[in-house]
């Protein structure tokens, strides 16, 4: 209606960027500064140049499943890719970004010692939780905290009617 506006904000690759923060992988952080799209590159690896854009979405979900500790079968199912290619992709990703596996292992060890994991804002999730839940909490919870913080800031200045997450 008159006097209202529809606006869109996009935290481009927020989880991938937060993964760079929590892992502190120098190679991954370097490529993020160049707007590297890990999901599109992984899609190219799995499906070739012609189909890469078409399959980026499912491959994105498969890539995060990998980063959050899922097995090859789950990743192949999520990405719609052959399991043999997923095993090769895992070797490629973890071979290139060495700190990814270090971060996964240290997060699991932290949870075993303390019984929880936490976001970069200090929000804790306590055990019990699955392997993938404990690995995805840090980045997903931090992304949520950032989004809610931005919405609160907007809400103090404007009459915000609604928010859509991952349309």
C-alpha atoms as a PDB file:
ATOM      1  CA  UNK A   1       0.000   0.000   0.000  1.00  0.00           C
ATOM      2  CA  UNK A   2       0.940   3.646  -0.303  1.00  0.00           C
ATOM      3  CA  UNK A   3       3.503   4.649   2.289  1.00  0.00           C
ATOM      4  CA  UNK A   4       4.960   1.135   2.548  1.00  0.00           C
ATOM      5  CA  UNK A   5       7.939  -0.439   0.846  1.00  0.00           C
ATOM      6  CA  UNK A   6       8.992  -3.983   0.180  1.00  0.00           C
ATOM      7  CA  UNK A   7      12.724  -4.388   0.686  1.00  0.00           C
ATOM      8  CA  UNK A   8      15.060  -7.327   0.412  1.00  0.00           C
ATOM      9  CA  UNK A   9      18.324  -7.928   2.251  1.00  0.00           C
ATOM     10  CA  UNK A  10      20.600 -10.837   1.491  1.00  0.00           C
ATOM     11  CA  UNK A  11      23.478 -11.963   3.640  1.00  0.00           C
ATOM     12  CA  UNK A  12      25.299 -13.429   0.638  1.00  0.00           C
ATOM     13  CA  UNK A  13      26.884 -16.753   1.552  1.00  0.00           C
ATOM     14  CA  UNK A  14      26.624 -15.953   5.261  1.00  0.00           C
ATOM     15  CA  UNK A  15      27.163 -19.531   6.423  1.00  0.00           C
ATOM     16  CA  UNK A  16      30.098 -20.080   4.077  1.00  0.00           C
ATOM     17  CA  UNK A  17      31.644 -16.839   5.289  1.00  0.00           C
ATOM     18  CA  UNK A  18      31.044 -17.788   8.917  1.00  0.00           C
ATOM     19  CA  UNK A  19      32.653 -21.135   8.185  1.00  0.00           C
ATOM     20  CA  UNK A  20      35.704 -19.144   7.133  1.00  0.00           C
ATOM     21  CA  UNK A  21      35.578 -17.288  10.456  1.00  0.00           C
ATOM     22  CA  UNK A  22      35.237 -20.365  12.677  1.00  0.00           C
ATOM     23  CA  UNK A  23      37.794 -22.483  10.814  1.00  0.00           C
ATOM     24  CA  UNK A  24      40.229 -19.623  10.156  1.00  0.00           C
ATOM     25  CA  UNK A  25      41.330 -21.565   7.095  1.00  0.00           C
ATOM     26  CA  UNK A  26      43.664 -19.120   5.322  1.00  0.00           C
ATOM     27  CA  UNK A  27      43.006 -20.495   1.827  1.00  0.00           C
ATOM     28  CA  UNK A  28      39.235 -20.442   2.277  1.00  0.00           C
ATOM     29  CA  UNK A  29      39.284 -16.931   3.770  1.00  0.00           C
ATOM     30  CA  UNK A  30      41.443 -15.736   0.872  1.00  0.00           C
ATOM     31  CA  UNK A  31      39.055 -17.010  -1.782  1.00  0.00           C
ATOM     32  CA  UNK A  32      36.049 -15.560   0.034  1.00  0.00           C
ATOM     33  CA  UNK A  33      37.562 -12.086  -0.389  1.00  0.00           C
ATOM     34  CA  UNK A  34      37.397 -12.733  -4.135  1.00  0.00           C
ATOM     35  CA  UNK A  35      33.668 -13.666  -4.016  1.00  0.00           C
ATOM     36  CA  UNK A  36      34.440 -17.330  -4.623  1.00  0.00           C
ATOM     37  CA  UNK A  37      31.257 -19.373  -4.663  1.00  0.00           C
ATOM     38  CA  UNK A  38      32.180 -22.751  -3.173  1.00  0.00           C
ATOM     39  CA  UNK A  39      28.744 -24.149  -4.025  1.00  0.00           C
ATOM     40  CA  UNK A  40      28.972 -23.252  -7.703  1.00  0.00           C
ATOM     41  CA  UNK A  41      32.518 -24.624  -7.922  1.00  0.00           C
ATOM     42  CA  UNK A  42      31.453 -27.854  -6.246  1.00  0.00           C
ATOM     43  CA  UNK A  43      28.518 -28.076  -8.649  1.00  0.00           C
ATOM     44  CA  UNK A  44      30.915 -27.655 -11.578  1.00  0.00           C
ATOM     45  CA  UNK A  45      33.064 -30.446 -10.166  1.00  0.00           C
ATOM     46  CA  UNK A  46      30.074 -32.784  -9.819  1.00  0.00           C
ATOM     47  CA  UNK A  47      28.052 -31.926 -12.929  1.00  0.00           C
ATOM     48  CA  UNK A  48      30.277 -29.967 -15.327  1.00  0.00           C
ATOM     49  CA  UNK A  49      30.056 -26.376 -16.593  1.00  0.00           C
ATOM     50  CA  UNK A  50      26.775 -26.743 -18.474  1.00  0.00           C
ATOM     51  CA  UNK A  51      24.756 -28.017 -15.497  1.00  0.00           C
ATOM     52  CA  UNK A  52      26.583 -26.215 -12.685  1.00  0.00           C
ATOM     53  CA  UNK A  53      24.085 -23.361 -12.260  1.00  0.00           C
ATOM     54  CA  UNK A  54      21.101 -25.687 -12.457  1.00  0.00           C
ATOM     55  CA  UNK A  55      22.399 -27.901  -9.639  1.00  0.00           C
ATOM     56  CA  UNK A  56      23.965 -25.200  -7.449  1.00  0.00           C
ATOM     57  CA  UNK A  57      21.083 -25.286  -4.922  1.00  0.00           C
ATOM     58  CA  UNK A  58      21.117 -29.022  -4.234  1.00  0.00           C
ATOM     59  CA  UNK A  59      24.930 -29.041  -4.251  1.00  0.00           C
ATOM     60  CA  UNK A  60      24.910 -26.165  -1.727  1.00  0.00           C
ATOM     61  CA  UNK A  61      22.856 -28.341   0.615  1.00  0.00           C
ATOM     62  CA  UNK A  62      25.210 -31.249  -0.019  1.00  0.00           C
ATOM     63  CA  UNK A  63      28.279 -29.108   0.630  1.00  0.00           C
ATOM     64  CA  UNK A  64      26.910 -27.947   3.967  1.00  0.00           C
ATOM     65  CA  UNK A  65      25.973 -31.521   4.816  1.00  0.00           C
ATOM     66  CA  UNK A  66      29.628 -32.419   4.214  1.00  0.00           C
ATOM     67  CA  UNK A  67      30.945 -29.536   6.295  1.00  0.00           C
ATOM     68  CA  UNK A  68      28.562 -30.505   9.072  1.00  0.00           C
ATOM     69  CA  UNK A  69      29.746 -34.104   9.162  1.00  0.00           C
ATOM     70  CA  UNK A  70      27.284 -36.048   6.992  1.00  0.00           C
ATOM     71  CA  UNK A  71      28.418 -39.224   5.252  1.00  0.00           C
ATOM     72  CA  UNK A  72      28.892 -39.611   1.520  1.00  0.00           C
ATOM     73  CA  UNK A  73      25.532 -41.362   0.997  1.00  0.00           C
ATOM     74  CA  UNK A  74      23.609 -38.512   2.644  1.00  0.00           C
ATOM     75  CA  UNK A  75      25.579 -35.916   0.688  1.00  0.00           C
ATOM     76  CA  UNK A  76      24.971 -37.759  -2.604  1.00  0.00           C
ATOM     77  CA  UNK A  77      21.251 -37.962  -1.826  1.00  0.00           C
ATOM     78  CA  UNK A  78      21.060 -34.280  -0.849  1.00  0.00           C
ATOM     79  CA  UNK A  79      23.061 -33.043  -3.834  1.00  0.00           C
ATOM     80  CA  UNK A  80      21.585 -35.509  -6.323  1.00  0.00           C
ATOM     81  CA  UNK A  81      25.090 -36.570  -7.273  1.00  0.00           C
ATOM     82  CA  UNK A  82      26.802 -39.935  -7.811  1.00  0.00           C
ATOM     83  CA  UNK A  83      28.361 -41.223  -4.587  1.00  0.00           C
ATOM     84  CA  UNK A  84      31.705 -41.815  -6.327  1.00  0.00           C
ATOM     85  CA  UNK A  85      31.897 -38.124  -7.243  1.00  0.00           C
ATOM     86  CA  UNK A  86      30.949 -37.123  -3.693  1.00  0.00           C
ATOM     87  CA  UNK A  87      33.868 -39.097  -2.285  1.00  0.00           C
ATOM     88  CA  UNK A  88      36.146 -37.284  -4.744  1.00  0.00           C
ATOM     89  CA  UNK A  89      34.594 -33.938  -3.804  1.00  0.00           C
ATOM     90  CA  UNK A  90      35.194 -34.641  -0.102  1.00  0.00           C
ATOM     91  CA  UNK A  91      38.875 -35.318  -0.833  1.00  0.00           C
ATOM     92  CA  UNK A  92      39.070 -32.141  -2.906  1.00  0.00           C
ATOM     93  CA  UNK A  93      37.407 -29.886  -0.308  1.00  0.00           C
ATOM     94  CA  UNK A  94      39.155 -31.262   2.785  1.00  0.00           C
ATOM     95  CA  UNK A  95      42.439 -31.549   0.902  1.00  0.00           C
ATOM     96  CA  UNK A  96      42.332 -27.911  -0.157  1.00  0.00           C
ATOM     97  CA  UNK A  97      40.938 -26.422   3.055  1.00  0.00           C
ATOM     98  CA  UNK A  98      42.930 -28.206   5.727  1.00  0.00           C
ATOM     99  CA  UNK A  99      41.446 -26.352   8.692  1.00  0.00           C
ATOM    100  CA  UNK A 100      37.930 -27.648   7.966  1.00  0.00           C
ATOM    101  CA  UNK A 101      38.703 -31.079   9.422  1.00  0.00           C
ATOM    102  CA  UNK A 102      40.715 -29.532  12.291  1.00  0.00           C
ATOM    103  CA  UNK A 103      37.688 -27.394  13.191  1.00  0.00           C
ATOM    104  CA  UNK A 104      35.313 -30.365  12.998  1.00  0.00           C
ATOM    105  CA  UNK A 105      37.528 -32.411  15.314  1.00  0.00           C
ATOM    106  CA  UNK A 106      38.054 -29.578  17.804  1.00  0.00           C
ATOM    107  CA  UNK A 107      34.301 -28.858  17.911  1.00  0.00           C
ATOM    108  CA  UNK A 108      33.541 -32.506  18.660  1.00  0.00           C
ATOM    109  CA  UNK A 109      36.222 -32.568  21.358  1.00  0.00           C
ATOM    110  CA  UNK A 110      34.866 -29.348  22.906  1.00  0.00           C
ATOM    111  CA  UNK A 111      31.349 -30.790  23.018  1.00  0.00           C
ATOM    112  CA  UNK A 112      32.586 -34.021  24.608  1.00  0.00           C
ATOM    113  CA  UNK A 113      34.473 -32.099  27.286  1.00  0.00           C
ATOM    114  CA  UNK A 114      31.875 -29.411  28.065  1.00  0.00           C
ATOM    115  CA  UNK A 115      28.584 -30.966  26.985  1.00  0.00           C
ATOM    116  CA  UNK A 116      27.605 -28.083  24.710  1.00  0.00           C
ATOM    117  CA  UNK A 117      28.602 -26.021  21.684  1.00  0.00           C
ATOM    118  CA  UNK A 118      28.015 -22.323  21.211  1.00  0.00           C
ATOM    119  CA  UNK A 119      27.559 -19.606  18.623  1.00  0.00           C
ATOM    120  CA  UNK A 120      30.000 -16.740  18.210  1.00  0.00           C
ATOM    121  CA  UNK A 121      27.483 -14.698  20.219  1.00  0.00           C
ATOM    122  CA  UNK A 122      27.632 -17.219  23.093  1.00  0.00           C
ATOM    123  CA  UNK A 123      24.305 -18.982  22.502  1.00  0.00           C
ATOM    124  CA  UNK A 124      24.733 -22.531  23.743  1.00  0.00           C
ATOM    125  CA  UNK A 125      23.200 -25.769  22.610  1.00  0.00           C
ATOM    126  CA  UNK A 126      23.545 -28.538  25.132  1.00  0.00           C
ATOM    127  CA  UNK A 127      23.958 -32.255  24.575  1.00  0.00           C
ATOM    128  CA  UNK A 128      22.588 -34.650  23.609  1.00  0.00           C
ATOM    129  CA  UNK A 129      22.699 -33.822  19.917  1.00  0.00           C
ATOM    130  CA  UNK A 130      23.660 -35.619  16.751  1.00  0.00           C
ATOM    131  CA  UNK A 131      27.079 -35.249  15.149  1.00  0.00           C
ATOM    132  CA  UNK A 132      25.706 -32.976  12.417  1.00  0.00           C
ATOM    133  CA  UNK A 133      23.735 -30.870  14.923  1.00  0.00           C
ATOM    134  CA  UNK A 134      26.788 -30.134  17.031  1.00  0.00           C
ATOM    135  CA  UNK A 135      28.828 -29.224  13.937  1.00  0.00           C
ATOM    136  CA  UNK A 136      26.214 -26.934  12.412  1.00  0.00           C
ATOM    137  CA  UNK A 137      25.283 -25.042  15.567  1.00  0.00           C
ATOM    138  CA  UNK A 138      28.123 -22.527  15.539  1.00  0.00           C
ATOM    139  CA  UNK A 139      27.561 -21.134  12.054  1.00  0.00           C
ATOM    140  CA  UNK A 140      23.783 -21.543  11.808  1.00  0.00           C
ATOM    141  CA  UNK A 141      23.159 -20.082  15.243  1.00  0.00           C
ATOM    142  CA  UNK A 142      25.560 -17.199  14.585  1.00  0.00           C
ATOM    143  CA  UNK A 143      23.862 -16.480  11.240  1.00  0.00           C
ATOM    144  CA  UNK A 144      20.506 -16.493  13.030  1.00  0.00           C
ATOM    145  CA  UNK A 145      21.813 -14.146  15.722  1.00  0.00           C
ATOM    146  CA  UNK A 146      23.119 -11.746  13.062  1.00  0.00           C
ATOM    147  CA  UNK A 147      19.823 -11.796  11.169  1.00  0.00           C
ATOM    148  CA  UNK A 148      17.764 -11.202  14.310  1.00  0.00           C
ATOM    149  CA  UNK A 149      20.069  -8.393  15.365  1.00  0.00           C
ATOM    150  CA  UNK A 150      19.592  -6.710  11.983  1.00  0.00           C
ATOM    151  CA  UNK A 151      15.807  -7.168  12.191  1.00  0.00           C
ATOM    152  CA  UNK A 152      15.785  -5.649  15.683  1.00  0.00           C
ATOM    153  CA  UNK A 153      17.754  -2.650  14.430  1.00  0.00           C
ATOM    154  CA  UNK A 154      15.321  -2.195  11.529  1.00  0.00           C
ATOM    155  CA  UNK A 155      12.371  -2.659  13.864  1.00  0.00           C
ATOM    156  CA  UNK A 156      13.555   0.198  16.075  1.00  0.00           C
ATOM    157  CA  UNK A 157      13.469   2.536  13.068  1.00  0.00           C
ATOM    158  CA  UNK A 158      10.717   1.151  10.836  1.00  0.00           C
ATOM    159  CA  UNK A 159       7.423  -0.672  11.144  1.00  0.00           C
ATOM    160  CA  UNK A 160       8.548  -4.115   9.951  1.00  0.00           C
ATOM    161  CA  UNK A 161       5.645  -6.324   8.952  1.00  0.00           C
ATOM    162  CA  UNK A 162       7.376  -9.635   8.276  1.00  0.00           C
ATOM    163  CA  UNK A 163      10.575 -11.438   7.404  1.00  0.00           C
ATOM    164  CA  UNK A 164      11.128 -14.328   5.012  1.00  0.00           C
ATOM    165  CA  UNK A 165      14.131 -16.546   5.594  1.00  0.00           C
ATOM    166  CA  UNK A 166      15.485 -18.722   2.757  1.00  0.00           C
ATOM    167  CA  UNK A 167      12.688 -18.056   0.303  1.00  0.00           C
END
